[in-house]
């Protein structure tokens, strides 16, 4: 099974607040998440894909 991260873990990894992640979920931004009952989790593969999509190349 793929590793799942809590919002607190993701906020620490990305250097942003848990509230920002909450706002993004409410706004349906492009960072996918999983709902397990009331719990929110982020799949490792989704985080990697999201980061890859936000990588700026150099010239």
N, C-alpha and C. Protein backbone atom coordinates (compact mmCIF):
# COMPACT_ATOMS: atom_id res chain seq x y z
N UNK A 1 0.84 -1.19 0.00
CA UNK A 1 0.00 0.00 0.00
C UNK A 1 0.88 1.25 0.00
N UNK A 2 0.40 2.25 -0.66
CA UNK A 2 1.13 3.51 -0.78
C UNK A 2 1.10 4.28 0.54
N UNK A 3 2.18 4.99 0.81
CA UNK A 3 2.26 5.79 2.03
C UNK A 3 1.33 6.99 1.94
N UNK A 4 0.65 7.27 3.05
CA UNK A 4 -0.25 8.42 3.17
C UNK A 4 0.30 9.38 4.21
N UNK A 5 0.15 10.67 3.95
CA UNK A 5 0.64 11.71 4.86
C UNK A 5 -0.52 12.53 5.40
N UNK A 6 -0.38 12.98 6.64
CA UNK A 6 -1.38 13.87 7.25
C UNK A 6 -1.15 15.29 6.75
N UNK A 7 -2.15 16.16 6.90
CA UNK A 7 -1.94 17.56 6.54
C UNK A 7 -0.77 18.20 7.31
N UNK A 8 -0.59 17.82 8.56
CA UNK A 8 0.53 18.37 9.34
C UNK A 8 1.87 17.96 8.74
N UNK A 9 1.98 16.71 8.32
CA UNK A 9 3.22 16.24 7.70
C UNK A 9 3.48 16.95 6.38
N UNK A 10 2.44 17.11 5.57
CA UNK A 10 2.58 17.77 4.27
C UNK A 10 2.93 19.24 4.46
N UNK A 11 2.30 19.89 5.43
CA UNK A 11 2.60 21.31 5.65
C UNK A 11 4.06 21.49 6.06
N UNK A 12 4.58 20.58 6.84
CA UNK A 12 5.99 20.65 7.24
C UNK A 12 6.91 20.41 6.03
N UNK A 13 6.56 19.42 5.20
CA UNK A 13 7.38 19.11 4.02
C UNK A 13 7.41 20.28 3.04
N UNK A 14 6.26 20.93 2.85
CA UNK A 14 6.15 21.99 1.85
C UNK A 14 6.43 23.38 2.41
N UNK A 15 6.55 23.49 3.73
CA UNK A 15 6.84 24.79 4.34
C UNK A 15 5.67 25.74 4.29
N UNK A 16 4.47 25.21 4.44
CA UNK A 16 3.27 26.05 4.46
C UNK A 16 2.39 25.60 5.62
N UNK A 17 1.42 26.41 5.95
CA UNK A 17 0.59 26.09 7.10
C UNK A 17 -0.48 25.06 6.76
N UNK A 18 -0.95 24.40 7.80
CA UNK A 18 -2.06 23.45 7.66
C UNK A 18 -3.30 24.21 7.17
N UNK A 19 -3.46 25.44 7.61
CA UNK A 19 -4.60 26.27 7.19
C UNK A 19 -4.57 26.52 5.68
N UNK A 20 -3.38 26.71 5.11
CA UNK A 20 -3.27 26.90 3.67
C UNK A 20 -3.75 25.66 2.94
N UNK A 21 -3.32 24.49 3.40
CA UNK A 21 -3.78 23.23 2.79
C UNK A 21 -5.29 23.09 2.92
N UNK A 22 -5.83 23.47 4.07
CA UNK A 22 -7.28 23.43 4.29
C UNK A 22 -8.00 24.35 3.30
N UNK A 23 -7.46 25.54 3.12
CA UNK A 23 -8.04 26.50 2.18
C UNK A 23 -8.00 25.95 0.76
N UNK A 24 -6.87 25.35 0.39
CA UNK A 24 -6.74 24.77 -0.95
C UNK A 24 -7.76 23.66 -1.17
N UNK A 25 -8.01 22.85 -0.13
CA UNK A 25 -9.02 21.79 -0.28
C UNK A 25 -10.39 22.41 -0.48
N UNK A 26 -10.69 23.44 0.27
CA UNK A 26 -11.99 24.11 0.16
C UNK A 26 -12.16 24.74 -1.21
N UNK A 27 -11.06 25.31 -1.74
CA UNK A 27 -11.09 25.94 -3.06
C UNK A 27 -10.92 24.92 -4.20
N UNK A 28 -10.72 23.66 -3.85
CA UNK A 28 -10.51 22.57 -4.82
C UNK A 28 -9.31 22.86 -5.73
N UNK A 29 -8.23 23.29 -5.10
CA UNK A 29 -6.97 23.50 -5.84
C UNK A 29 -6.47 22.16 -6.35
N UNK A 30 -5.37 22.19 -7.09
CA UNK A 30 -4.94 20.99 -7.79
C UNK A 30 -4.05 20.04 -6.99
N UNK A 31 -4.05 20.11 -5.67
CA UNK A 31 -3.30 19.15 -4.86
C UNK A 31 -4.28 18.08 -4.38
N UNK A 32 -4.26 16.90 -5.01
CA UNK A 32 -5.24 15.86 -4.67
C UNK A 32 -5.08 15.37 -3.23
N UNK A 33 -6.18 14.94 -2.65
CA UNK A 33 -6.17 14.38 -1.30
C UNK A 33 -7.19 13.26 -1.21
N UNK A 34 -7.09 12.49 -0.14
CA UNK A 34 -7.98 11.36 0.11
C UNK A 34 -8.74 11.63 1.40
N UNK A 35 -10.04 11.35 1.40
CA UNK A 35 -10.84 11.46 2.62
C UNK A 35 -11.11 10.05 3.14
N UNK A 36 -10.74 9.78 4.37
CA UNK A 36 -11.02 8.52 5.04
C UNK A 36 -11.89 8.84 6.24
N UNK A 37 -13.20 8.82 6.04
CA UNK A 37 -14.11 9.31 7.06
C UNK A 37 -13.90 10.81 7.17
N UNK A 38 -13.55 11.26 8.38
CA UNK A 38 -13.28 12.68 8.58
C UNK A 38 -11.81 13.02 8.36
N UNK A 39 -10.97 12.00 8.25
CA UNK A 39 -9.53 12.21 8.12
C UNK A 39 -9.14 12.56 6.68
N UNK A 40 -8.22 13.50 6.56
CA UNK A 40 -7.67 13.90 5.26
C UNK A 40 -6.25 13.35 5.18
N UNK A 41 -5.92 12.74 4.05
CA UNK A 41 -4.58 12.23 3.82
C UNK A 41 -4.14 12.56 2.40
N UNK A 42 -2.84 12.62 2.21
CA UNK A 42 -2.25 12.89 0.90
C UNK A 42 -1.39 11.70 0.50
N UNK A 43 -1.59 11.20 -0.72
CA UNK A 43 -0.80 10.08 -1.22
C UNK A 43 0.58 10.58 -1.66
N UNK A 44 1.59 9.79 -1.37
CA UNK A 44 2.96 10.15 -1.72
C UNK A 44 3.10 10.40 -3.22
N UNK A 45 2.50 9.55 -4.04
CA UNK A 45 2.61 9.71 -5.50
C UNK A 45 1.96 11.01 -5.98
N UNK A 46 0.85 11.41 -5.35
CA UNK A 46 0.19 12.67 -5.71
C UNK A 46 1.07 13.87 -5.34
N UNK A 47 1.72 13.79 -4.18
CA UNK A 47 2.61 14.88 -3.77
C UNK A 47 3.79 15.01 -4.73
N UNK A 48 4.38 13.87 -5.11
CA UNK A 48 5.51 13.90 -6.05
C UNK A 48 5.08 14.47 -7.39
N UNK A 49 3.93 14.03 -7.89
CA UNK A 49 3.43 14.52 -9.19
C UNK A 49 3.14 16.02 -9.11
N UNK A 50 2.55 16.47 -8.01
CA UNK A 50 2.24 17.89 -7.84
C UNK A 50 3.53 18.72 -7.82
N UNK A 51 4.53 18.24 -7.09
CA UNK A 51 5.81 18.96 -7.04
C UNK A 51 6.48 18.97 -8.41
N UNK A 52 6.44 17.85 -9.12
CA UNK A 52 7.02 17.80 -10.47
C UNK A 52 6.34 18.81 -11.39
N UNK A 53 5.04 18.97 -11.23
CA UNK A 53 4.29 19.90 -12.05
C UNK A 53 4.56 21.36 -11.72
N UNK A 54 5.17 21.61 -10.57
CA UNK A 54 5.47 22.98 -10.15
C UNK A 54 6.97 23.28 -10.18
N UNK A 55 7.73 22.41 -10.82
CA UNK A 55 9.17 22.61 -10.92
C UNK A 55 9.47 23.52 -12.11
N UNK A 56 10.27 24.54 -11.86
CA UNK A 56 10.66 25.49 -12.89
C UNK A 56 12.06 25.12 -13.37
N UNK A 57 12.19 24.87 -14.65
CA UNK A 57 13.49 24.51 -15.22
C UNK A 57 14.37 25.74 -15.39
N UNK A 58 15.66 25.49 -15.51
CA UNK A 58 16.61 26.58 -15.75
C UNK A 58 16.95 26.63 -17.23
N UNK A 59 17.40 27.78 -17.68
CA UNK A 59 17.76 27.95 -19.10
C UNK A 59 19.15 27.48 -19.37
